[in-house]
Amino acid sequence: MKTISNFPLRLNTLPTIYHCERGWHWSPPPLGDYDFWYVLDGIGELTLGREIIPLKAGVCLVFRPGDEPCATQDPARRLVVFAAHFDTGKSAPMPARLHSVRDTPFLNALAYHCAAAGRRGGTLGAEQSCLHLRQMLLLLLQENSEPSPSPIDLAMRGIITAIEREPGRRWSVDSLAHQAHLSRSQFTRRFTSITGLPPNRFLVIARMARARQLIEETTMTLSQIADALHYRDIYFFSRQFKQFSGIPPGNLRKGRPLK
């Protein structure tokens, strides 16, 4: 699939986050360009053609030229909306008009950064603002193309991220399986299908990758590194490192004395 970054994207308005006024009612003339419209908070309703769309946090719409949307809000729960008008190349892929965002923290952050960069102005601010909007469109395209993750999928992603972040923790397959609400065998099969490696093998590789980085980029001793990565025997650590890297860990020091 072609990506948005391969095509020009021009902002036609300053990206802005609006806290809609109490008497707000949106009924613009037919749009002359694209309009990225993302609800950050509040409750309302939008009509587009014959479709009536409930508005709440996480609802995103990418209007096309010629669209005639009409929206209202609950005065007690006023809408907070990010909006930006833009043009792009005719062959650029566009996400669906309506999207319920799954990764709302990421899109929220992009919306606020996009608006802030636009306010800063100048060449740098304008470029950053365009890049943030491209990233928002890419996120929608990604979510459009992937099925919604199940609770187990989300749990597995969290576990994999946690192992990569802290490979030196006392991880056990049984505790990880319990965390994912799976049996040990179910967890091992699911983990292997996602990463291509069984859990214990994945953990060793994560530890070896971190060990290499610590050896090359810090002044920690080999004993300190082995201990930080949950090896109680430095000789076993060194043998395992050589097995995975092809060289002893001390050879990576590039002449730096070992303490």
C-alpha atoms as a PDB file:
ATOM      1  CA  MET A   1       0.000   0.000   0.000  1.00  0.00           C
ATOM      2  CA  LYS A   2       1.273   3.455  -0.829  1.00  0.00           C
ATOM      3  CA  THR A   3       1.791   5.706   2.150  1.00  0.00           C
ATOM      4  CA  ILE A   4       0.781   9.285   2.757  1.00  0.00           C
ATOM      5  CA  SER A   5       4.427  10.296   3.159  1.00  0.00           C
ATOM      6  CA  ASN A   6       4.967   9.610  -0.558  1.00  0.00           C
ATOM      7  CA  PHE A   7       2.552  12.397  -1.496  1.00  0.00           C
ATOM      8  CA  PRO A   8       2.427  16.144  -0.894  1.00  0.00           C
ATOM      9  CA  LEU A   9       0.161  17.332   1.873  1.00  0.00           C
ATOM     10  CA  ARG A  10      -0.690  21.007   2.193  1.00  0.00           C
ATOM     11  CA  LEU A  11      -2.484  22.502   5.165  1.00  0.00           C
ATOM     12  CA  ASN A  12      -5.077  25.058   4.125  1.00  0.00           C
ATOM     13  CA  THR A  13      -5.986  26.191   7.648  1.00  0.00           C
ATOM     14  CA  LEU A  14      -4.161  26.417  10.941  1.00  0.00           C
ATOM     15  CA  PRO A  15      -4.792  23.101  12.752  1.00  0.00           C
ATOM     16  CA  THR A  16      -6.888  24.047  15.765  1.00  0.00           C
ATOM     17  CA  ILE A  17      -8.535  22.467  18.795  1.00  0.00           C
ATOM     18  CA  TYR A  18     -11.961  24.012  19.353  1.00  0.00           C
ATOM     19  CA  HIS A  19     -14.036  23.964  22.530  1.00  0.00           C
ATOM     20  CA  CYS A  20     -17.358  24.484  20.811  1.00  0.00           C
ATOM     21  CA  GLU A  21     -19.485  27.376  22.030  1.00  0.00           C
ATOM     22  CA  ARG A  22     -22.785  26.729  23.829  1.00  0.00           C
ATOM     23  CA  GLY A  23     -24.886  27.797  20.844  1.00  0.00           C
ATOM     24  CA  TRP A  24     -22.636  25.992  18.346  1.00  0.00           C
ATOM     25  CA  HIS A  25     -24.254  24.307  15.353  1.00  0.00           C
ATOM     26  CA  TRP A  26     -22.010  23.266  12.461  1.00  0.00           C
ATOM     27  CA  SER A  27     -23.468  23.420   8.974  1.00  0.00           C
ATOM     28  CA  PRO A  28     -20.771  24.541   6.497  1.00  0.00           C
ATOM     29  CA  PRO A  29     -21.269  24.934   2.754  1.00  0.00           C
ATOM     30  CA  PRO A  30     -20.019  22.024   0.594  1.00  0.00           C
ATOM     31  CA  LEU A  31     -16.381  21.501   1.539  1.00  0.00           C
ATOM     32  CA  GLY A  32     -13.786  22.618  -0.964  1.00  0.00           C
ATOM     33  CA  ASP A  33     -10.993  20.416   0.454  1.00  0.00           C
ATOM     34  CA  TYR A  34     -10.340  17.595   2.909  1.00  0.00           C
ATOM     35  CA  ASP A  35     -11.191  18.206   6.555  1.00  0.00           C
ATOM     36  CA  PHE A  36      -9.672  16.079   9.328  1.00  0.00           C
ATOM     37  CA  TRP A  37     -12.138  16.232  12.224  1.00  0.00           C
ATOM     38  CA  TYR A  38     -11.414  14.426  15.506  1.00  0.00           C
ATOM     39  CA  VAL A  39     -13.508  14.501  18.691  1.00  0.00           C
ATOM     40  CA  LEU A  40     -11.378  14.776  21.823  1.00  0.00           C
ATOM     41  CA  ASP A  41     -14.246  15.188  24.286  1.00  0.00           C
ATOM     42  CA  GLY A  42     -17.959  15.865  24.562  1.00  0.00           C
ATOM     43  CA  ILE A  43     -21.159  14.453  23.094  1.00  0.00           C
ATOM     44  CA  GLY A  44     -22.990  15.329  19.895  1.00  0.00           C
ATOM     45  CA  GLU A  45     -24.451  14.114  16.639  1.00  0.00           C
ATOM     46  CA  LEU A  46     -23.385  14.538  13.021  1.00  0.00           C
ATOM     47  CA  THR A  47     -25.379  14.018   9.854  1.00  0.00           C
ATOM     48  CA  LEU A  48     -23.617  13.236   6.587  1.00  0.00           C
ATOM     49  CA  GLY A  49     -25.957  12.447   3.725  1.00  0.00           C
ATOM     50  CA  ARG A  50     -28.454   9.974   5.148  1.00  0.00           C
ATOM     51  CA  GLU A  51     -26.129   8.742   7.884  1.00  0.00           C
ATOM     52  CA  ILE A  52     -26.509   9.919  11.472  1.00  0.00           C
ATOM     53  CA  ILE A  53     -23.271   9.561  13.448  1.00  0.00           C
ATOM     54  CA  PRO A  54     -23.091   9.783  17.261  1.00  0.00           C
ATOM     55  CA  LEU A  55     -20.163  11.944  18.316  1.00  0.00           C
ATOM     56  CA  LYS A  56     -18.011  11.156  21.342  1.00  0.00           C
ATOM     57  CA  ALA A  57     -14.335  11.051  22.270  1.00  0.00           C
ATOM     58  CA  GLY A  58     -12.372   8.904  19.803  1.00  0.00           C
ATOM     59  CA  VAL A  59     -14.636   9.455  16.781  1.00  0.00           C
ATOM     60  CA  CYS A  60     -12.691  10.695  13.766  1.00  0.00           C
ATOM     61  CA  LEU A  61     -13.993  11.819  10.374  1.00  0.00           C
ATOM     62  CA  VAL A  62     -12.025  12.616   7.245  1.00  0.00           C
ATOM     63  CA  PHE A  63     -14.390  14.653   5.074  1.00  0.00           C
ATOM     64  CA  ARG A  64     -13.909  14.786   1.307  1.00  0.00           C
ATOM     65  CA  PRO A  65     -14.315  17.792  -0.997  1.00  0.00           C
ATOM     66  CA  GLY A  66     -18.025  18.269  -1.646  1.00  0.00           C
ATOM     67  CA  ASP A  67     -19.193  16.757   1.659  1.00  0.00           C
ATOM     68  CA  GLU A  68     -21.938  18.669   3.498  1.00  0.00           C
ATOM     69  CA  PRO A  69     -21.748  17.667   7.152  1.00  0.00           C
ATOM     70  CA  CYS A  70     -24.095  19.007   9.799  1.00  0.00           C
ATOM     71  CA  ALA A  71     -23.393  18.626  13.531  1.00  0.00           C
ATOM     72  CA  THR A  72     -24.918  19.530  16.882  1.00  0.00           C
ATOM     73  CA  GLN A  73     -23.802  18.957  20.455  1.00  0.00           C
ATOM     74  CA  ASP A  74     -25.140  18.344  23.938  1.00  0.00           C
ATOM     75  CA  PRO A  75     -24.907  21.766  25.650  1.00  0.00           C
ATOM     76  CA  ALA A  76     -24.092  20.001  28.917  1.00  0.00           C
ATOM     77  CA  ARG A  77     -21.245  18.022  27.302  1.00  0.00           C
ATOM     78  CA  ARG A  78     -19.826  20.462  24.770  1.00  0.00           C
ATOM     79  CA  LEU A  79     -17.601  19.081  22.042  1.00  0.00           C
ATOM     80  CA  VAL A  80     -13.834  19.528  21.955  1.00  0.00           C
ATOM     81  CA  VAL A  81     -12.709  18.984  18.362  1.00  0.00           C
ATOM     82  CA  PHE A  82      -9.410  18.987  16.492  1.00  0.00           C
ATOM     83  CA  ALA A  83      -9.860  20.210  12.914  1.00  0.00           C
ATOM     84  CA  ALA A  84      -7.540  20.815   9.979  1.00  0.00           C
ATOM     85  CA  HIS A  85      -8.327  21.482   6.305  1.00  0.00           C
ATOM     86  CA  PHE A  86      -5.814  20.080   3.836  1.00  0.00           C
ATOM     87  CA  ASP A  87      -5.158  19.015   0.253  1.00  0.00           C
ATOM     88  CA  THR A  88      -3.104  16.070  -0.953  1.00  0.00           C
ATOM     89  CA  GLY A  89      -2.223  14.232  -4.151  1.00  0.00           C
ATOM     90  CA  LYS A  90      -5.047  12.581  -6.078  1.00  0.00           C
ATOM     91  CA  SER A  91      -3.426   9.130  -5.789  1.00  0.00           C
ATOM     92  CA  ALA A  92      -2.843   9.366  -2.036  1.00  0.00           C
ATOM     93  CA  PRO A  93      -4.767   6.708  -0.072  1.00  0.00           C
ATOM     94  CA  MET A  94      -7.349   8.121   2.294  1.00  0.00           C
ATOM     95  CA  PRO A  95      -8.806   6.406   5.352  1.00  0.00           C
ATOM     96  CA  ALA A  96     -12.532   5.795   5.580  1.00  0.00           C
ATOM     97  CA  ARG A  97     -14.662   8.843   6.285  1.00  0.00           C
ATOM     98  CA  LEU A  98     -15.695   7.533   9.701  1.00  0.00           C
ATOM     99  CA  HIS A  99     -13.362   5.893  12.154  1.00  0.00           C
ATOM    100  CA  SER A 100     -13.534   4.967  15.844  1.00  0.00           C
ATOM    101  CA  VAL A 101      -9.935   5.341  16.929  1.00  0.00           C
ATOM    102  CA  ARG A 102      -8.425   2.524  18.971  1.00  0.00           C
ATOM    103  CA  ASP A 103      -5.140   4.190  19.902  1.00  0.00           C
ATOM    104  CA  THR A 104      -6.722   7.363  21.298  1.00  0.00           C
ATOM    105  CA  PRO A 105      -3.743   8.372  23.529  1.00  0.00           C
ATOM    106  CA  PHE A 106      -1.464   8.477  20.474  1.00  0.00           C
ATOM    107  CA  LEU A 107      -3.940  10.356  18.278  1.00  0.00           C
ATOM    108  CA  ASN A 108      -4.726  12.779  21.112  1.00  0.00           C
ATOM    109  CA  ALA A 109      -1.026  13.567  21.494  1.00  0.00           C
ATOM    110  CA  LEU A 110      -0.601  14.021  17.743  1.00  0.00           C
ATOM    111  CA  ALA A 111      -3.602  16.381  17.629  1.00  0.00           C
ATOM    112  CA  TYR A 112      -2.251  18.602  20.389  1.00  0.00           C
ATOM    113  CA  HIS A 113       1.270  18.606  18.905  1.00  0.00           C
ATOM    114  CA  CYS A 114      -0.102  19.364  15.435  1.00  0.00           C
ATOM    115  CA  ALA A 115      -2.060  22.349  16.736  1.00  0.00           C
ATOM    116  CA  ALA A 116       0.878  23.589  18.838  1.00  0.00           C
ATOM    117  CA  ALA A 117       3.298  23.378  15.902  1.00  0.00           C
ATOM    118  CA  GLY A 118       0.876  25.323  13.746  1.00  0.00           C
ATOM    119  CA  ARG A 119       0.634  28.059  16.383  1.00  0.00           C
ATOM    120  CA  ARG A 120       4.419  28.350  16.558  1.00  0.00           C
ATOM    121  CA  GLY A 121       4.445  29.147  12.863  1.00  0.00           C
ATOM    122  CA  GLY A 122       7.492  29.596  10.695  1.00  0.00           C
ATOM    123  CA  THR A 123       8.968  27.027   8.349  1.00  0.00           C
ATOM    124  CA  LEU A 124       9.741  24.553  11.131  1.00  0.00           C
ATOM    125  CA  GLY A 125       6.306  24.821  12.731  1.00  0.00           C
ATOM    126  CA  ALA A 126       4.541  24.394   9.393  1.00  0.00           C
ATOM    127  CA  GLU A 127       6.625  21.335   8.502  1.00  0.00           C
ATOM    128  CA  GLN A 128       6.070  19.734  11.918  1.00  0.00           C
ATOM    129  CA  SER A 129       2.354  20.399  11.697  1.00  0.00           C
ATOM    130  CA  CYS A 130       2.164  18.671   8.303  1.00  0.00           C
ATOM    131  CA  LEU A 131       4.193  15.716   9.585  1.00  0.00           C
ATOM    132  CA  HIS A 132       1.885  15.287  12.577  1.00  0.00           C
ATOM    133  CA  LEU A 133      -1.184  15.345  10.320  1.00  0.00           C
ATOM    134  CA  ARG A 134       0.420  12.770   7.996  1.00  0.00           C
ATOM    135  CA  GLN A 135       1.059  10.558  11.014  1.00  0.00           C
ATOM    136  CA  MET A 136      -2.584  10.905  12.060  1.00  0.00           C
ATOM    137  CA  LEU A 137      -3.735   9.817   8.608  1.00  0.00           C
ATOM    138  CA  LEU A 138      -1.288   6.911   8.626  1.00  0.00           C
ATOM    139  CA  LEU A 139      -2.600   5.769  11.996  1.00  0.00           C
ATOM    140  CA  LEU A 140      -6.144   5.699  10.615  1.00  0.00           C
ATOM    141  CA  LEU A 141      -4.987   3.774   7.533  1.00  0.00           C
ATOM    142  CA  GLN A 142      -3.215   1.261   9.751  1.00  0.00           C
ATOM    143  CA  GLU A 143      -6.238   0.750  11.968  1.00  0.00           C
ATOM    144  CA  ASN A 144      -8.504   0.511   8.902  1.00  0.00           C
ATOM    145  CA  SER A 145      -6.365  -2.347   7.579  1.00  0.00           C
ATOM    146  CA  GLU A 146      -6.110  -4.353  10.806  1.00  0.00           C
ATOM    147  CA  PRO A 147      -8.810  -6.174  12.775  1.00  0.00           C
ATOM    148  CA  SER A 148      -9.550  -4.880  16.254  1.00  0.00           C
ATOM    149  CA  PRO A 149      -7.243  -6.631  18.740  1.00  0.00           C
ATOM    150  CA  SER A 150      -8.872  -8.953  21.259  1.00  0.00           C
ATOM    151  CA  PRO A 151      -8.210  -8.563  25.005  1.00  0.00           C
ATOM    152  CA  ILE A 152      -5.733 -11.439  24.741  1.00  0.00           C
ATOM    153  CA  ASP A 153      -3.950  -9.732  21.823  1.00  0.00           C
ATOM    154  CA  LEU A 154      -3.629  -6.558  23.901  1.00  0.00           C
ATOM    155  CA  ALA A 155      -2.315  -8.543  26.864  1.00  0.00           C
ATOM    156  CA  MET A 156       0.265 -10.293  24.665  1.00  0.00           C
ATOM    157  CA  ARG A 157       1.448  -7.005  23.204  1.00  0.00           C
ATOM    158  CA  GLY A 158       1.860  -5.596  26.696  1.00  0.00           C
ATOM    159  CA  ILE A 159       3.844  -8.639  27.817  1.00  0.00           C
ATOM    160  CA  ILE A 160       6.180  -8.513  24.808  1.00  0.00           C
ATOM    161  CA  THR A 161       6.762  -4.795  25.323  1.00  0.00           C
ATOM    162  CA  ALA A 162       7.471  -5.322  29.027  1.00  0.00           C
ATOM    163  CA  ILE A 163      10.044  -8.048  28.307  1.00  0.00           C
ATOM    164  CA  GLU A 164      11.819  -5.853  25.755  1.00  0.00           C
ATOM    165  CA  ARG A 165      11.780  -2.921  28.185  1.00  0.00           C
ATOM    166  CA  GLU A 166      13.106  -4.876  31.181  1.00  0.00           C
ATOM    167  CA  PRO A 167      14.763  -8.110  30.029  1.00  0.00           C
ATOM    168  CA  GLY A 168      16.554  -8.404  33.365  1.00  0.00           C
ATOM    169  CA  ARG A 169      13.396  -9.007  35.394  1.00  0.00           C
ATOM    170  CA  ARG A 170      12.607 -12.438  36.858  1.00  0.00           C
ATOM    171  CA  TRP A 171      10.237 -13.461  34.089  1.00  0.00           C
ATOM    172  CA  SER A 172       8.617 -16.892  34.152  1.00  0.00           C
ATOM    173  CA  VAL A 173       6.397 -18.467  31.520  1.00  0.00           C
ATOM    174  CA  ASP A 174       3.864 -19.498  34.160  1.00  0.00           C
ATOM    175  CA  SER A 175       3.453 -15.963  35.536  1.00  0.00           C
ATOM    176  CA  LEU A 176       3.235 -14.478  32.039  1.00  0.00           C
ATOM    177  CA  ALA A 177       0.609 -17.044  31.029  1.00  0.00           C
ATOM    178  CA  HIS A 178      -1.390 -16.180  34.148  1.00  0.00           C
ATOM    179  CA  GLN A 179      -1.124 -12.490  33.277  1.00  0.00           C
ATOM    180  CA  ALA A 180      -2.567 -13.242  29.817  1.00  0.00           C
ATOM    181  CA  HIS A 181      -5.308 -15.469  31.320  1.00  0.00           C
ATOM    182  CA  LEU A 182      -4.057 -18.462  29.315  1.00  0.00           C
ATOM    183  CA  SER A 183      -2.705 -21.865  30.154  1.00  0.00           C
ATOM    184  CA  ARG A 184       1.041 -22.311  29.802  1.00  0.00           C
ATOM    185  CA  SER A 185       0.661 -24.265  26.546  1.00  0.00           C
ATOM    186  CA  GLN A 186      -1.865 -21.785  25.099  1.00  0.00           C
ATOM    187  CA  PHE A 187       0.387 -18.872  26.039  1.00  0.00           C
ATOM    188  CA  THR A 188       3.452 -20.502  24.494  1.00  0.00           C
ATOM    189  CA  ARG A 189       1.630 -21.180  21.216  1.00  0.00           C
ATOM    190  CA  ARG A 190       0.201 -17.643  21.033  1.00  0.00           C
ATOM    191  CA  PHE A 191       3.541 -16.035  21.974  1.00  0.00           C
ATOM    192  CA  THR A 192       5.421 -18.089  19.386  1.00  0.00           C
ATOM    193  CA  SER A 193       2.907 -17.251  16.647  1.00  0.00           C
ATOM    194  CA  ILE A 194       3.360 -13.521  17.332  1.00  0.00           C
ATOM    195  CA  THR A 195       7.133 -13.313  17.800  1.00  0.00           C
ATOM    196  CA  GLY A 196       8.335 -16.386  15.909  1.00  0.00           C
ATOM    197  CA  LEU A 197      10.106 -17.559  19.071  1.00  0.00           C
ATOM    198  CA  PRO A 198       9.072 -19.470  22.196  1.00  0.00           C
ATOM    199  CA  PRO A 199       8.998 -17.264  25.320  1.00  0.00           C
ATOM    200  CA  ASN A 200      12.242 -18.465  26.918  1.00  0.00           C
ATOM    201  CA  ARG A 201      14.168 -18.082  23.671  1.00  0.00           C
ATOM    202  CA  PHE A 202      12.713 -14.610  23.134  1.00  0.00           C
ATOM    203  CA  LEU A 203      13.778 -13.618  26.658  1.00  0.00           C
ATOM    204  CA  VAL A 204      17.364 -14.816  26.167  1.00  0.00           C
ATOM    205  CA  ILE A 205      17.651 -12.913  22.878  1.00  0.00           C
ATOM    206  CA  ALA A 206      16.233  -9.777  24.518  1.00  0.00           C
ATOM    207  CA  ARG A 207      18.800 -10.103  27.307  1.00  0.00           C
ATOM    208  CA  MET A 208      21.650 -10.638  24.862  1.00  0.00           C
ATOM    209  CA  ALA A 209      20.627  -7.608  22.793  1.00  0.00           C
ATOM    210  CA  ARG A 210      20.539  -5.466  25.917  1.00  0.00           C
ATOM    211  CA  ALA A 211      23.844  -6.918  27.113  1.00  0.00           C
ATOM    212  CA  ARG A 212      25.512  -5.974  23.842  1.00  0.00           C
ATOM    213  CA  GLN A 213      24.233  -2.422  24.118  1.00  0.00           C
ATOM    214  CA  LEU A 214      25.404  -2.097  27.720  1.00  0.00           C
ATOM    215  CA  ILE A 215      28.835  -3.519  26.873  1.00  0.00           C
ATOM    216  CA  GLU A 216      29.352  -1.212  23.897  1.00  0.00           C
ATOM    217  CA  GLU A 217      27.785   1.965  25.249  1.00  0.00           C
ATOM    218  CA  THR A 218      28.322   2.045  29.032  1.00  0.00           C
ATOM    219  CA  THR A 219      31.147   1.660  31.522  1.00  0.00           C
ATOM    220  CA  MET A 220      29.331  -1.025  33.512  1.00  0.00           C
ATOM    221  CA  THR A 221      31.515  -4.025  34.284  1.00  0.00           C
ATOM    222  CA  LEU A 222      30.643  -7.432  32.879  1.00  0.00           C
ATOM    223  CA  SER A 223      29.700  -8.515  36.399  1.00  0.00           C
ATOM    224  CA  GLN A 224      27.344  -5.576  36.768  1.00  0.00           C
ATOM    225  CA  ILE A 225      25.769  -6.269  33.383  1.00  0.00           C
ATOM    226  CA  ALA A 226      25.330  -9.964  34.124  1.00  0.00           C
ATOM    227  CA  ASP A 227      23.733  -9.158  37.473  1.00  0.00           C
ATOM    228  CA  ALA A 228      21.440  -6.500  35.948  1.00  0.00           C
ATOM    229  CA  LEU A 229      20.213  -9.052  33.414  1.00  0.00           C
ATOM    230  CA  HIS A 230      19.538 -11.680  36.084  1.00  0.00           C
ATOM    231  CA  TYR A 231      22.608 -13.883  35.539  1.00  0.00           C
ATOM    232  CA  ARG A 232      24.088 -15.127  38.788  1.00  0.00           C
ATOM    233  CA  ASP A 233      27.038 -16.808  37.055  1.00  0.00           C
ATOM    234  CA  ILE A 234      29.196 -14.496  34.949  1.00  0.00           C
ATOM    235  CA  TYR A 235      30.825 -17.471  33.232  1.00  0.00           C
ATOM    236  CA  PHE A 236      27.452 -18.770  32.074  1.00  0.00           C
ATOM    237  CA  PHE A 237      26.589 -15.234  30.938  1.00  0.00           C
ATOM    238  CA  SER A 238      29.815 -15.031  28.920  1.00  0.00           C
ATOM    239  CA  ARG A 239      29.273 -18.453  27.324  1.00  0.00           C
ATOM    240  CA  GLN A 240      25.700 -17.602  26.379  1.00  0.00           C
ATOM    241  CA  PHE A 241      26.742 -14.222  24.992  1.00  0.00           C
ATOM    242  CA  LYS A 242      29.428 -15.840  22.824  1.00  0.00           C
ATOM    243  CA  GLN A 243      26.920 -18.454  21.655  1.00  0.00           C
ATOM    244  CA  PHE A 244      24.521 -15.745  20.437  1.00  0.00           C
ATOM    245  CA  SER A 245      27.020 -13.105  19.284  1.00  0.00           C
ATOM    246  CA  GLY A 246      29.921 -15.211  18.064  1.00  0.00           C
ATOM    247  CA  ILE A 247      32.463 -13.332  20.180  1.00  0.00           C
ATOM    248  CA  PRO A 248      33.215 -13.092  23.911  1.00  0.00           C
ATOM    249  CA  PRO A 249      31.648 -10.059  25.608  1.00  0.00           C
ATOM    250  CA  GLY A 250      35.027  -8.614  26.574  1.00  0.00           C
ATOM    251  CA  ASN A 251      36.030  -8.275  22.916  1.00  0.00           C
ATOM    252  CA  LEU A 252      33.332  -5.635  22.414  1.00  0.00           C
ATOM    253  CA  ARG A 253      35.000  -3.221  24.790  1.00  0.00           C
ATOM    254  CA  LYS A 254      37.207  -1.935  21.969  1.00  0.00           C
ATOM    255  CA  GLY A 255      40.187  -1.560  24.224  1.00  0.00           C
ATOM    256  CA  ARG A 256      38.221  -0.085  27.124  1.00  0.00           C
ATOM    257  CA  PRO A 257      39.663  -1.594  30.329  1.00  0.00           C
ATOM    258  CA  LEU A 258      37.334  -3.887  32.249  1.00  0.00           C
ATOM    259  CA  LYS A 259      37.004  -2.973  35.912  1.00  0.00           C
END
